[in-house]
Amino acid sequence: MRVPVNTMSILPSWLDPEVLLTSLGPFLLPGLCLIIFAECGLLIGFFMPGDSLLFTAGLFVAKGYIDTPLWVVCALLTVCAFVGNMCGYWIGAKAGPALFNKPDSRLFKQEYVDKTHEFFERYGPRAIVLARFVPIVRTFITAIAGVGRMDPRKYFIYSAIGGVLWATGVTVLGYYLGRIPFVHENIELMLILIVLISVLPIVIEVIRARRSRKAEVS
């Protein structure tokens, strides 16, 4: 069934969140869970529009197109996001040595591992939580954390926090905002705003880091 929501026409149809979700038919929720898992843990899932899918899923729950209770949807998506991060971490931890031990590799170099380790030592908890809201970054940072040998316990704790804030937060946002006529009629604009807002925390963090470095130099 085609859900009457005006979504992101600027995207290819196979990346339009409405098209993606409705094309799954009776497997909408399991399919969405699989997509979130892949985006958060498998490097092949970096191109998926996770934020838009979560927001649209919340809107679908509000409109009755998904008849599963909101709390169940949020719980399933949060678990999939967290488990995806666990898989991504171990992929990085196991595959990392094989990738970075090639001296002639242009893409994977040991210095990248060292810099990543430094990055996580300095921004660890914040980096994991903030990266969750940035498309593409949330996919690759999981493997990078594994390659950089970030403390597993610390990584999983903050990954769980980020998973709740992201998977549950964006879905709930879509659920409540989707009830507002203006939002429902201008969903394309809302999804674009979500992407912009998602990048904002990283921008703020970069600005703070630059100011901190300038202050240390002066």
N, C-alpha and C. Protein backbone atom coordinates (compact mmCIF):
# COMPACT_ATOMS: atom_id res chain seq x y z
N MET A 1 0.85 -1.20 0.00
CA MET A 1 0.00 0.00 0.00
C MET A 1 0.88 1.25 0.00
N ARG A 2 0.55 2.19 -0.84
CA ARG A 2 1.30 3.44 -0.93
C ARG A 2 0.79 4.41 0.12
N VAL A 3 1.69 4.84 0.99
CA VAL A 3 1.31 5.76 2.05
C VAL A 3 1.33 7.18 1.52
N PRO A 4 0.24 7.94 1.69
CA PRO A 4 0.17 9.29 1.12
C PRO A 4 0.97 10.32 1.89
N VAL A 5 2.29 10.23 1.76
CA VAL A 5 3.17 11.20 2.42
C VAL A 5 4.11 11.75 1.37
N ASN A 6 4.26 13.07 1.33
CA ASN A 6 5.16 13.70 0.37
C ASN A 6 6.57 13.73 0.92
N THR A 7 7.41 12.76 0.50
CA THR A 7 8.76 12.68 1.04
C THR A 7 9.78 13.20 0.07
N MET A 8 11.03 12.80 0.23
CA MET A 8 12.16 13.45 -0.43
C MET A 8 12.25 13.11 -1.91
N SER A 9 11.57 13.87 -2.74
CA SER A 9 11.61 13.66 -4.18
C SER A 9 12.98 13.96 -4.77
N ILE A 10 13.84 14.66 -4.02
CA ILE A 10 15.17 15.00 -4.54
C ILE A 10 16.08 13.77 -4.51
N LEU A 11 15.68 12.71 -3.81
CA LEU A 11 16.48 11.51 -3.75
C LEU A 11 16.02 10.51 -4.80
N PRO A 12 16.90 9.57 -5.22
CA PRO A 12 16.45 8.48 -6.07
C PRO A 12 15.33 7.72 -5.36
N SER A 13 14.42 7.13 -6.12
CA SER A 13 13.27 6.47 -5.49
C SER A 13 13.69 5.38 -4.52
N TRP A 14 14.81 4.71 -4.80
CA TRP A 14 15.24 3.62 -3.92
C TRP A 14 15.86 4.12 -2.62
N LEU A 15 16.09 5.46 -2.52
CA LEU A 15 16.56 6.05 -1.27
C LEU A 15 15.48 6.91 -0.61
N ASP A 16 14.34 7.04 -1.25
CA ASP A 16 13.22 7.77 -0.66
C ASP A 16 12.71 6.96 0.52
N PRO A 17 12.70 7.52 1.74
CA PRO A 17 12.29 6.74 2.91
C PRO A 17 10.89 6.15 2.81
N GLU A 18 9.97 6.89 2.20
CA GLU A 18 8.61 6.36 2.03
C GLU A 18 8.61 5.17 1.09
N VAL A 19 9.30 5.31 -0.03
CA VAL A 19 9.36 4.22 -1.00
C VAL A 19 10.02 2.99 -0.40
N LEU A 20 11.13 3.22 0.33
CA LEU A 20 11.83 2.11 0.96
C LEU A 20 10.93 1.35 1.94
N LEU A 21 10.26 2.10 2.79
CA LEU A 21 9.45 1.46 3.82
C LEU A 21 8.21 0.78 3.24
N THR A 22 7.51 1.46 2.37
CA THR A 22 6.28 0.89 1.82
C THR A 22 6.57 -0.30 0.91
N SER A 23 7.75 -0.30 0.26
CA SER A 23 8.10 -1.42 -0.62
C SER A 23 8.34 -2.71 0.16
N LEU A 24 8.58 -2.58 1.46
CA LEU A 24 8.81 -3.75 2.29
C LEU A 24 7.52 -4.49 2.63
N GLY A 25 6.39 -3.82 2.40
CA GLY A 25 5.09 -4.46 2.62
C GLY A 25 4.92 -4.98 4.04
N PRO A 26 4.51 -6.25 4.18
CA PRO A 26 4.29 -6.82 5.53
C PRO A 26 5.57 -6.98 6.33
N PHE A 27 6.72 -6.86 5.65
CA PHE A 27 8.01 -6.99 6.34
C PHE A 27 8.62 -5.63 6.64
N LEU A 28 7.77 -4.61 6.72
CA LEU A 28 8.24 -3.24 6.91
C LEU A 28 9.13 -3.12 8.15
N LEU A 29 8.64 -3.53 9.29
CA LEU A 29 9.41 -3.37 10.53
C LEU A 29 10.66 -4.24 10.56
N PRO A 30 10.58 -5.54 10.21
CA PRO A 30 11.82 -6.34 10.15
C PRO A 30 12.83 -5.77 9.16
N GLY A 31 12.33 -5.30 8.02
CA GLY A 31 13.22 -4.74 7.01
C GLY A 31 13.89 -3.48 7.50
N LEU A 32 13.14 -2.63 8.19
CA LEU A 32 13.70 -1.40 8.75
C LEU A 32 14.77 -1.73 9.78
N CYS A 33 14.50 -2.72 10.62
CA CYS A 33 15.48 -3.14 11.63
C CYS A 33 16.77 -3.61 10.97
N LEU A 34 16.64 -4.35 9.87
CA LEU A 34 17.81 -4.85 9.16
C LEU A 34 18.61 -3.70 8.55
N ILE A 35 17.90 -2.71 8.01
CA ILE A 35 18.57 -1.55 7.42
C ILE A 35 19.35 -0.78 8.47
N ILE A 36 18.73 -0.55 9.63
CA ILE A 36 19.39 0.19 10.72
C ILE A 36 20.61 -0.59 11.20
N PHE A 37 20.46 -1.90 11.31
CA PHE A 37 21.59 -2.74 11.71
C PHE A 37 22.75 -2.60 10.71
N ALA A 38 22.43 -2.67 9.42
CA ALA A 38 23.46 -2.60 8.38
C ALA A 38 24.14 -1.23 8.38
N GLU A 39 23.35 -0.17 8.54
CA GLU A 39 23.94 1.17 8.51
C GLU A 39 24.85 1.40 9.70
N CYS A 40 24.52 0.82 10.83
CA CYS A 40 25.30 1.06 12.05
C CYS A 40 26.49 0.11 12.21
N GLY A 41 26.48 -1.00 11.46
CA GLY A 41 27.54 -1.97 11.70
C GLY A 41 28.26 -2.51 10.49
N LEU A 42 27.60 -2.55 9.35
CA LEU A 42 28.21 -3.10 8.15
C LEU A 42 28.61 -1.96 7.21
N LEU A 43 29.82 -1.95 6.75
CA LEU A 43 30.32 -0.85 5.94
C LEU A 43 29.52 -0.67 4.66
N ILE A 44 28.82 -1.72 4.22
CA ILE A 44 28.02 -1.61 3.00
C ILE A 44 26.76 -0.80 3.21
N GLY A 45 26.44 -0.48 4.45
CA GLY A 45 25.19 0.23 4.72
C GLY A 45 25.34 1.73 4.86
N PHE A 46 26.51 2.27 4.50
CA PHE A 46 26.77 3.70 4.73
C PHE A 46 25.87 4.62 3.93
N PHE A 47 25.31 4.15 2.81
CA PHE A 47 24.52 5.01 1.94
C PHE A 47 23.05 5.08 2.34
N MET A 48 22.64 4.31 3.33
CA MET A 48 21.23 4.28 3.71
C MET A 48 20.85 5.54 4.50
N PRO A 49 19.65 6.09 4.25
CA PRO A 49 19.21 7.32 4.93
C PRO A 49 18.58 7.03 6.29
N GLY A 50 19.40 6.63 7.24
CA GLY A 50 18.89 6.19 8.54
C GLY A 50 18.03 7.21 9.26
N ASP A 51 18.49 8.47 9.33
CA ASP A 51 17.72 9.51 10.03
C ASP A 51 16.33 9.65 9.42
N SER A 52 16.27 9.74 8.10
CA SER A 52 14.99 9.92 7.42
C SER A 52 14.08 8.71 7.61
N LEU A 53 14.67 7.52 7.61
CA LEU A 53 13.88 6.30 7.80
C LEU A 53 13.27 6.26 9.20
N LEU A 54 14.07 6.62 10.20
CA LEU A 54 13.57 6.62 11.58
C LEU A 54 12.45 7.63 11.75
N PHE A 55 12.66 8.83 11.23
CA PHE A 55 11.64 9.88 11.33
C PHE A 55 10.36 9.45 10.63
N THR A 56 10.49 8.90 9.43
CA THR A 56 9.33 8.46 8.67
C THR A 56 8.64 7.29 9.36
N ALA A 57 9.41 6.41 9.97
CA ALA A 57 8.82 5.28 10.70
C ALA A 57 7.97 5.79 11.86
N GLY A 58 8.48 6.81 12.57
CA GLY A 58 7.69 7.39 13.66
C GLY A 58 6.41 8.01 13.14
N LEU A 59 6.50 8.67 12.00
CA LEU A 59 5.33 9.27 11.37
C LEU A 59 4.32 8.19 10.98
N PHE A 60 4.81 7.06 10.46
CA PHE A 60 3.94 5.95 10.06
C PHE A 60 3.21 5.36 11.26
N VAL A 61 3.92 5.28 12.39
CA VAL A 61 3.28 4.77 13.61
C VAL A 61 2.16 5.72 14.04
N ALA A 62 2.45 7.02 13.98
CA ALA A 62 1.46 8.03 14.38
C ALA A 62 0.22 7.97 13.50
N LYS A 63 0.41 7.69 12.21
CA LYS A 63 -0.71 7.65 11.27
C LYS A 63 -1.38 6.29 11.18
N GLY A 64 -0.83 5.30 11.90
CA GLY A 64 -1.43 3.97 11.90
C GLY A 64 -0.98 3.07 10.77
N TYR A 65 -0.01 3.52 9.95
CA TYR A 65 0.49 2.69 8.86
C TYR A 65 1.37 1.57 9.40
N ILE A 66 1.93 1.79 10.58
CA ILE A 66 2.62 0.73 11.32
C ILE A 66 1.80 0.50 12.58
N ASP A 67 1.23 -0.68 12.73
CA ASP A 67 0.31 -0.90 13.85
C ASP A 67 1.00 -1.45 15.10
N THR A 68 2.33 -1.47 15.09
CA THR A 68 3.09 -1.87 16.26
C THR A 68 3.22 -0.69 17.21
N PRO A 69 3.06 -0.91 18.53
CA PRO A 69 3.20 0.20 19.49
C PRO A 69 4.53 0.93 19.35
N LEU A 70 4.50 2.23 19.58
CA LEU A 70 5.70 3.05 19.42
C LEU A 70 6.86 2.54 20.26
N TRP A 71 6.59 2.15 21.50
CA TRP A 71 7.69 1.74 22.38
C TRP A 71 8.36 0.47 21.88
N VAL A 72 7.59 -0.41 21.26
CA VAL A 72 8.16 -1.64 20.70
C VAL A 72 9.04 -1.31 19.50
N VAL A 73 8.55 -0.42 18.64
CA VAL A 73 9.32 0.00 17.47
C VAL A 73 10.64 0.63 17.90
N CYS A 74 10.57 1.53 18.89
CA CYS A 74 11.78 2.20 19.39
C CYS A 74 12.75 1.20 20.00
N ALA A 75 12.23 0.26 20.78
CA ALA A 75 13.09 -0.74 21.42
C ALA A 75 13.80 -1.60 20.38
N LEU A 76 13.08 -2.06 19.37
CA LEU A 76 13.67 -2.90 18.34
C LEU A 76 14.74 -2.15 17.55
N LEU A 77 14.45 -0.91 17.18
CA LEU A 77 15.40 -0.13 16.40
C LEU A 77 16.65 0.21 17.20
N THR A 78 16.46 0.49 18.49
CA THR A 78 17.60 0.81 19.36
C THR A 78 18.50 -0.41 19.52
N VAL A 79 17.90 -1.57 19.71
CA VAL A 79 18.68 -2.81 19.84
C VAL A 79 19.45 -3.09 18.56
N CYS A 80 18.80 -2.91 17.42
CA CYS A 80 19.46 -3.16 16.13
C CYS A 80 20.62 -2.19 15.91
N ALA A 81 20.43 -0.93 16.31
CA ALA A 81 21.51 0.06 16.18
C ALA A 81 22.69 -0.33 17.06
N PHE A 82 22.41 -0.78 18.27
CA PHE A 82 23.47 -1.15 19.21
C PHE A 82 24.20 -2.42 18.75
N VAL A 83 23.44 -3.43 18.36
CA VAL A 83 24.05 -4.68 17.89
C VAL A 83 24.87 -4.42 16.62
N GLY A 84 24.37 -3.52 15.77
CA GLY A 84 25.14 -3.15 14.59
C GLY A 84 26.48 -2.55 14.96
N ASN A 85 26.48 -1.70 15.96
CA ASN A 85 27.73 -1.10 16.43
C ASN A 85 28.69 -2.15 16.98
N MET A 86 28.15 -3.13 17.69
CA MET A 86 29.00 -4.20 18.22
C MET A 86 29.68 -4.96 17.09
N CYS A 87 28.89 -5.27 16.05
CA CYS A 87 29.45 -5.99 14.90
C CYS A 87 30.50 -5.14 14.19
N GLY A 88 30.19 -3.85 14.00
CA GLY A 88 31.13 -2.96 13.34
C GLY A 88 32.44 -2.86 14.10
N TYR A 89 32.35 -2.80 15.41
CA TYR A 89 33.55 -2.71 16.25
C TYR A 89 34.43 -3.94 16.07
N TRP A 90 33.80 -5.13 16.11
CA TRP A 90 34.59 -6.35 16.01
C TRP A 90 35.12 -6.57 14.60
N ILE A 91 34.40 -6.07 13.60
CA ILE A 91 34.91 -6.12 12.22
C ILE A 91 36.19 -5.30 12.13
N GLY A 92 36.17 -4.11 12.72
CA GLY A 92 37.36 -3.26 12.73
C GLY A 92 38.50 -3.88 13.51
N ALA A 93 38.16 -4.48 14.65
CA ALA A 93 39.18 -5.07 15.51
C ALA A 93 39.84 -6.28 14.86
N LYS A 94 39.05 -7.09 14.16
CA LYS A 94 39.57 -8.31 13.55
C LYS A 94 40.21 -8.05 12.19
N ALA A 95 39.57 -7.20 11.39
CA ALA A 95 40.08 -6.95 10.03
C ALA A 95 41.15 -5.86 10.00
N GLY A 96 41.19 -5.05 11.06
CA GLY A 96 42.13 -3.93 11.10
C GLY A 96 43.57 -4.30 10.84
N PRO A 97 44.13 -5.27 11.59
CA PRO A 97 45.54 -5.63 11.37
C PRO A 97 45.84 -6.03 9.94
N ALA A 98 44.94 -6.78 9.31
CA ALA A 98 45.17 -7.23 7.94
C ALA A 98 45.17 -6.05 6.97
N LEU A 99 44.35 -5.05 7.27
CA LEU A 99 44.26 -3.89 6.39
C LEU A 99 45.43 -2.93 6.56
N PHE A 100 45.84 -2.72 7.80
CA PHE A 100 46.85 -1.70 8.08
C PHE A 100 48.29 -2.22 8.06
N ASN A 101 48.46 -3.53 7.91
CA ASN A 101 49.81 -4.08 7.87
C ASN A 101 50.39 -4.12 6.46
N LYS A 102 49.63 -3.59 5.50
CA LYS A 102 50.12 -3.54 4.12
C LYS A 102 50.88 -2.23 3.91
N PRO A 103 52.20 -2.29 3.78
CA PRO A 103 53.01 -1.06 3.66
C PRO A 103 52.72 -0.26 2.40
N ASP A 104 52.22 -0.92 1.35
CA ASP A 104 51.98 -0.21 0.10
C ASP A 104 50.54 0.25 -0.05
N SER A 105 49.77 0.14 1.02
CA SER A 105 48.37 0.52 0.94
C SER A 105 48.24 2.04 1.00
N ARG A 106 47.50 2.61 0.05
CA ARG A 106 47.31 4.06 0.01
C ARG A 106 46.17 4.51 0.91
N LEU A 107 45.22 3.61 1.11
CA LEU A 107 44.02 3.99 1.88
C LEU A 107 44.17 3.68 3.36
N PHE A 108 44.71 2.51 3.68
CA PHE A 108 44.82 2.08 5.08
C PHE A 108 46.27 2.16 5.53
N LYS A 109 46.54 3.05 6.46
CA LYS A 109 47.90 3.23 6.94
C LYS A 109 47.91 3.19 8.47
N GLN A 110 49.03 2.75 9.02
CA GLN A 110 49.15 2.63 10.47
C GLN A 110 48.97 3.98 11.14
N GLU A 111 49.41 5.06 10.48
CA GLU A 111 49.28 6.39 11.09
C GLU A 111 47.82 6.75 11.30
N TYR A 112 46.92 6.22 10.44
CA TYR A 112 45.50 6.48 10.62
C TYR A 112 45.00 5.83 11.91
N VAL A 113 45.52 4.63 12.19
CA VAL A 113 45.15 3.95 13.43
C VAL A 113 45.61 4.76 14.63
N ASP A 114 46.85 5.24 14.57
CA ASP A 114 47.40 6.02 15.69
C ASP A 114 46.60 7.30 15.92
N LYS A 115 46.25 7.99 14.83
CA LYS A 115 45.48 9.22 14.94
C LYS A 115 44.07 8.94 15.46
N THR A 116 43.51 7.82 15.01
CA THR A 116 42.17 7.43 15.48
C THR A 116 42.20 7.14 16.97
N HIS A 117 43.25 6.44 17.40
CA HIS A 117 43.38 6.12 18.82
C HIS A 117 43.48 7.41 19.64
N GLU A 118 44.25 8.37 19.15
CA GLU A 118 44.37 9.67 19.83
C GLU A 118 43.03 10.38 19.89
N PHE A 119 42.31 10.33 18.77
CA PHE A 119 41.01 10.98 18.67
C PHE A 119 40.05 10.43 19.71
N PHE A 120 40.00 9.11 19.83
CA PHE A 120 39.09 8.50 20.79
C PHE A 120 39.53 8.71 22.23
N GLU A 121 40.85 8.79 22.43
CA GLU A 121 41.33 9.06 23.78
C GLU A 121 40.92 10.46 24.23
N ARG A 122 40.87 11.39 23.28
CA ARG A 122 40.54 12.78 23.62
C ARG A 122 39.04 13.03 23.63
N TYR A 123 38.33 12.50 22.62
CA TYR A 123 36.90 12.80 22.48
C TYR A 123 36.01 11.57 22.64
N GLY A 124 36.61 10.42 22.99
CA GLY A 124 35.91 9.14 23.00
C GLY A 124 34.42 9.15 23.20
N PRO A 125 33.94 9.35 24.42
CA PRO A 125 32.50 9.30 24.68
C PRO A 125 31.68 10.24 23.83
N ARG A 126 32.13 11.49 23.73
CA ARG A 126 31.39 12.46 22.92
C ARG A 126 31.40 12.09 21.45
N ALA A 127 32.54 11.59 20.97
CA ALA A 127 32.66 11.23 19.55
C ALA A 127 31.67 10.14 19.19
N ILE A 128 31.55 9.13 20.03
CA ILE A 128 30.66 8.01 19.74
C ILE A 128 29.21 8.46 19.72
N VAL A 129 28.82 9.28 20.67
CA VAL A 129 27.43 9.75 20.74
C VAL A 129 27.12 10.72 19.60
N LEU A 130 28.02 11.68 19.36
CA LEU A 130 27.79 12.67 18.31
C LEU A 130 27.78 12.04 16.92
N ALA A 131 28.68 11.10 16.69
CA ALA A 131 28.78 10.49 15.36
C ALA A 131 27.52 9.74 14.99
N ARG A 132 26.77 9.30 15.99
CA ARG A 132 25.54 8.57 15.73
C ARG A 132 24.56 9.39 14.89
N PHE A 133 24.62 10.69 14.99
CA PHE A 133 23.66 11.55 14.30
C PHE A 133 24.17 12.04 12.93
N VAL A 134 25.35 11.60 12.53
CA VAL A 134 25.92 12.08 11.27
C VAL A 134 25.94 10.95 10.24
N PRO A 135 25.20 11.12 9.13
CA PRO A 135 25.19 10.08 8.09
C PRO A 135 26.60 9.74 7.62
N ILE A 136 26.83 8.50 7.28
CA ILE A 136 28.11 7.96 6.82
C ILE A 136 29.10 7.83 7.98
N VAL A 137 29.27 8.91 8.75
CA VAL A 137 30.20 8.86 9.89
C VAL A 137 29.78 7.77 10.87
N ARG A 138 28.47 7.65 11.14
CA ARG A 138 28.02 6.66 12.12
C ARG A 138 28.30 5.23 11.65
N THR A 139 28.46 5.05 10.33
CA THR A 139 28.77 3.72 9.81
C THR A 139 30.24 3.38 10.00
N PHE A 140 31.11 4.31 9.62
CA PHE A 140 32.54 4.01 9.61
C PHE A 140 33.21 4.17 10.97
N ILE A 141 32.63 4.99 11.83
CA ILE A 141 33.30 5.22 13.12
C ILE A 141 33.29 3.96 13.99
N THR A 142 32.33 3.07 13.74
CA THR A 142 32.29 1.83 14.52
C THR A 142 33.50 0.95 14.22
N ALA A 143 33.80 0.79 12.92
CA ALA A 143 34.96 -0.01 12.53
C ALA A 143 36.25 0.67 12.95
N ILE A 144 36.28 2.00 12.83
CA ILE A 144 37.48 2.75 13.22
C ILE A 144 37.74 2.60 14.71
N ALA A 145 36.68 2.57 15.50
CA ALA A 145 36.85 2.37 16.94
C ALA A 145 37.48 1.02 17.23
N GLY A 146 37.08 0.01 16.45
CA GLY A 146 37.67 -1.32 16.62
C GLY A 146 39.11 -1.35 16.17
N VAL A 147 39.40 -0.72 15.04
CA VAL A 147 40.77 -0.66 14.53
C VAL A 147 41.66 0.08 15.53
N GLY A 148 41.15 1.17 16.10
CA GLY A 148 41.91 1.96 17.06
C GLY A 148 41.99 1.36 18.44
N ARG A 149 41.35 0.18 18.60
CA ARG A 149 41.36 -0.53 19.89
C ARG A 149 40.83 0.32 21.04
N MET A 150 39.76 1.07 20.77
CA MET A 150 39.12 1.80 21.85
C MET A 150 38.63 0.81 22.89
N ASP A 151 38.71 1.16 24.16
CA ASP A 151 38.28 0.27 25.23
C ASP A 151 36.87 -0.24 24.95
N PRO A 152 36.68 -1.56 24.80
CA PRO A 152 35.37 -2.11 24.43
C PRO A 152 34.25 -1.72 25.38
N ARG A 153 34.52 -1.78 26.68
CA ARG A 153 33.49 -1.47 27.66
C ARG A 153 33.02 -0.03 27.51
N LYS A 154 33.97 0.90 27.39
CA LYS A 154 33.63 2.31 27.22
C LYS A 154 32.87 2.52 25.93
N TYR A 155 33.35 1.86 24.85
CA TYR A 155 32.70 2.02 23.55
C TYR A 155 31.26 1.54 23.59
N PHE A 156 31.02 0.36 24.16
CA PHE A 156 29.66 -0.20 24.16
C PHE A 156 28.71 0.60 25.04
N ILE A 157 29.22 1.14 26.14
CA ILE A 157 28.37 1.96 27.02
C ILE A 157 27.88 3.21 26.29
N TYR A 158 28.82 3.93 25.68
CA TYR A 158 28.44 5.16 24.99
C TYR A 158 27.74 4.90 23.66
N SER A 159 28.01 3.75 23.09
CA SER A 159 27.29 3.36 21.88
C SER A 159 25.83 3.10 22.22
N ALA A 160 25.59 2.50 23.39
CA ALA A 160 24.21 2.26 23.82
C ALA A 160 23.49 3.58 24.09
N ILE A 161 24.19 4.52 24.71
CA ILE A 161 23.60 5.84 24.96
C ILE A 161 23.25 6.52 23.64
N GLY A 162 24.20 6.49 22.71
CA GLY A 162 23.95 7.09 21.41
C GLY A 162 22.83 6.40 20.67
N GLY A 163 22.75 5.08 20.80
CA GLY A 163 21.69 4.32 20.14
C GLY A 163 20.31 4.72 20.63
N VAL A 164 20.18 4.90 21.93
CA VAL A 164 18.89 5.32 22.50
C VAL A 164 18.53 6.72 22.03
N LEU A 165 19.50 7.64 22.11
CA LEU A 165 19.23 9.02 21.71
C LEU A 165 18.87 9.12 20.23
N TRP A 166 19.56 8.32 19.42
CA TRP A 166 19.34 8.39 17.97
C TRP A 166 18.11 7.60 17.53
N ALA A 167 18.14 6.29 17.71
CA ALA A 167 17.06 5.44 17.21
C ALA A 167 15.72 5.77 17.86
N THR A 168 15.73 5.90 19.18
CA THR A 168 14.48 6.22 19.88
C THR A 168 14.12 7.68 19.70
N GLY A 169 15.12 8.56 19.85
CA GLY A 169 14.84 10.00 19.78
C GLY A 169 14.28 10.45 18.44
N VAL A 170 14.90 10.03 17.34
CA VAL A 170 14.44 10.46 16.02
C VAL A 170 13.08 9.84 15.69
N THR A 171 12.87 8.59 16.10
CA THR A 171 11.58 7.93 15.84
C THR A 171 10.45 8.61 16.61
N VAL A 172 10.71 8.91 17.87
CA VAL A 172 9.71 9.61 18.69
C VAL A 172 9.44 11.00 18.13
N LEU A 173 10.50 11.65 17.65
CA LEU A 173 10.34 12.97 17.04
C LEU A 173 9.40 12.89 15.84
N GLY A 174 9.61 11.88 15.00
CA GLY A 174 8.74 11.70 13.85
C GLY A 174 7.31 11.39 14.26
N TYR A 175 7.16 10.65 15.35
CA TYR A 175 5.83 10.26 15.83
C TYR A 175 5.02 11.49 16.25
N TYR A 176 5.63 12.36 17.03
CA TYR A 176 4.89 13.51 17.55
C TYR A 176 4.79 14.65 16.53
N LEU A 177 5.87 14.90 15.81
CA LEU A 177 5.80 15.96 14.80
C LEU A 177 4.93 15.55 13.62
N GLY A 178 4.85 14.25 13.37
CA GLY A 178 4.03 13.77 12.26
C GLY A 178 2.55 14.03 12.45
N ARG A 179 2.15 14.33 13.66
CA ARG A 179 0.75 14.64 13.94
C ARG A 179 0.41 16.09 13.62
N ILE A 180 1.42 16.89 13.39
CA ILE A 180 1.21 18.29 13.05
C ILE A 180 0.97 18.41 11.55
N PRO A 181 -0.14 18.98 11.13
CA PRO A 181 -0.47 19.08 9.69
C PRO A 181 0.65 19.69 8.85
N PHE A 182 1.27 20.77 9.33
CA PHE A 182 2.32 21.42 8.55
C PHE A 182 3.48 20.46 8.29
N VAL A 183 3.87 19.70 9.32
CA VAL A 183 4.97 18.75 9.19
C VAL A 183 4.60 17.64 8.21
N HIS A 184 3.38 17.14 8.36
CA HIS A 184 2.92 16.05 7.50
C HIS A 184 2.86 16.49 6.04
N GLU A 185 2.50 17.74 5.81
CA GLU A 185 2.37 18.24 4.43
C GLU A 185 3.70 18.71 3.85
N ASN A 186 4.70 18.88 4.70
CA ASN A 186 6.02 19.35 4.25
C ASN A 186 7.12 18.43 4.75
N ILE A 187 6.89 17.14 4.61
CA ILE A 187 7.83 16.16 5.16
C ILE A 187 9.20 16.24 4.51
N GLU A 188 9.26 16.62 3.23
CA GLU A 188 10.54 16.76 2.54
C GLU A 188 11.40 17.80 3.24
N LEU A 189 10.80 18.94 3.56
CA LEU A 189 11.53 20.00 4.26
C LEU A 189 11.98 19.52 5.63
N MET A 190 11.12 18.79 6.34
CA MET A 190 11.46 18.30 7.67
C MET A 190 12.66 17.36 7.63
N LEU A 191 12.69 16.49 6.62
CA LEU A 191 13.79 15.54 6.53
C LEU A 191 15.11 16.22 6.20
N ILE A 192 15.03 17.26 5.38
CA ILE A 192 16.24 18.03 5.09
C ILE A 192 16.74 18.72 6.35
N LEU A 193 15.82 19.26 7.14
CA LEU A 193 16.20 19.91 8.40
C LEU A 193 16.83 18.91 9.36
N ILE A 194 16.34 17.69 9.37
CA ILE A 194 16.89 16.66 10.25
C ILE A 194 18.35 16.39 9.90
N VAL A 195 18.64 16.31 8.61
CA VAL A 195 20.03 16.08 8.17
C VAL A 195 20.92 17.24 8.62
N LEU A 196 20.44 18.47 8.44
CA LEU A 196 21.22 19.64 8.83
C LEU A 196 21.45 19.67 10.35
N ILE A 197 20.41 19.38 11.09
CA ILE A 197 20.52 19.36 12.55
C ILE A 197 21.45 18.25 13.01
N SER A 198 21.46 17.13 12.28
CA SER A 198 22.31 16.00 12.63
C SER A 198 23.78 16.37 12.56
N VAL A 199 24.13 17.21 11.58
CA VAL A 199 25.52 17.60 11.40
C VAL A 199 25.94 18.68 12.39
N LEU A 200 24.99 19.41 12.94
CA LEU A 200 25.27 20.55 13.82
C LEU A 200 26.15 20.20 15.02
N PRO A 201 25.89 19.08 15.75
CA PRO A 201 26.74 18.78 16.91
C PRO A 201 28.22 18.63 16.55
N ILE A 202 28.50 18.00 15.39
CA ILE A 202 29.88 17.83 14.97
C ILE A 202 30.51 19.18 14.65
N VAL A 203 29.75 20.06 14.00
CA VAL A 203 30.25 21.40 13.67
C VAL A 203 30.61 22.15 14.94
N ILE A 204 29.72 22.09 15.93
CA ILE A 204 29.96 22.75 17.22
C ILE A 204 31.21 22.19 17.89
N GLU A 205 31.36 20.86 17.82
CA GLU A 205 32.50 20.21 18.45
C GLU A 205 33.80 20.62 17.77
N VAL A 206 33.79 20.72 16.45
CA VAL A 206 34.98 21.14 15.70
C VAL A 206 35.37 22.57 16.05
N ILE A 207 34.37 23.44 16.15
CA ILE A 207 34.62 24.84 16.50
C ILE A 207 35.22 24.93 17.91
N ARG A 208 34.66 24.16 18.84
CA ARG A 208 35.17 24.15 20.22
C ARG A 208 36.61 23.65 20.25
N ALA A 209 36.90 22.61 19.46
CA ALA A 209 38.25 22.04 19.44
C ALA A 209 39.25 23.05 18.88
N ARG A 210 38.85 23.78 17.84
CA ARG A 210 39.74 24.78 17.24
C ARG A 210 40.02 25.91 18.21
N ARG A 211 38.98 26.36 18.91
CA ARG A 211 39.15 27.43 19.90
C ARG A 211 40.05 26.97 21.03
N SER A 212 39.89 25.70 21.42
CA SER A 212 40.71 25.15 22.50
C SER A 212 42.19 25.11 22.10
N ARG A 213 42.44 24.70 20.83
CA ARG A 213 43.83 24.65 20.36
C ARG A 213 44.44 26.05 20.29
N LYS A 214 43.63 27.02 19.82
CA LYS A 214 44.12 28.40 19.74
C LYS A 214 44.46 28.93 21.13
N ALA A 215 43.61 28.58 22.10
CA ALA A 215 43.83 29.05 23.46
C ALA A 215 45.11 28.45 24.04
N GLU A 216 45.40 27.18 23.69
CA GLU A 216 46.61 26.51 24.18
C GLU A 216 47.86 27.14 23.56
N VAL A 217 47.75 27.48 22.27
CA VAL A 217 48.90 28.09 21.59
C VAL A 217 49.21 29.48 22.14
N SER A 218 48.14 30.26 22.38
CA SER A 218 48.34 31.61 22.90
C SER A 218 48.72 31.58 24.38
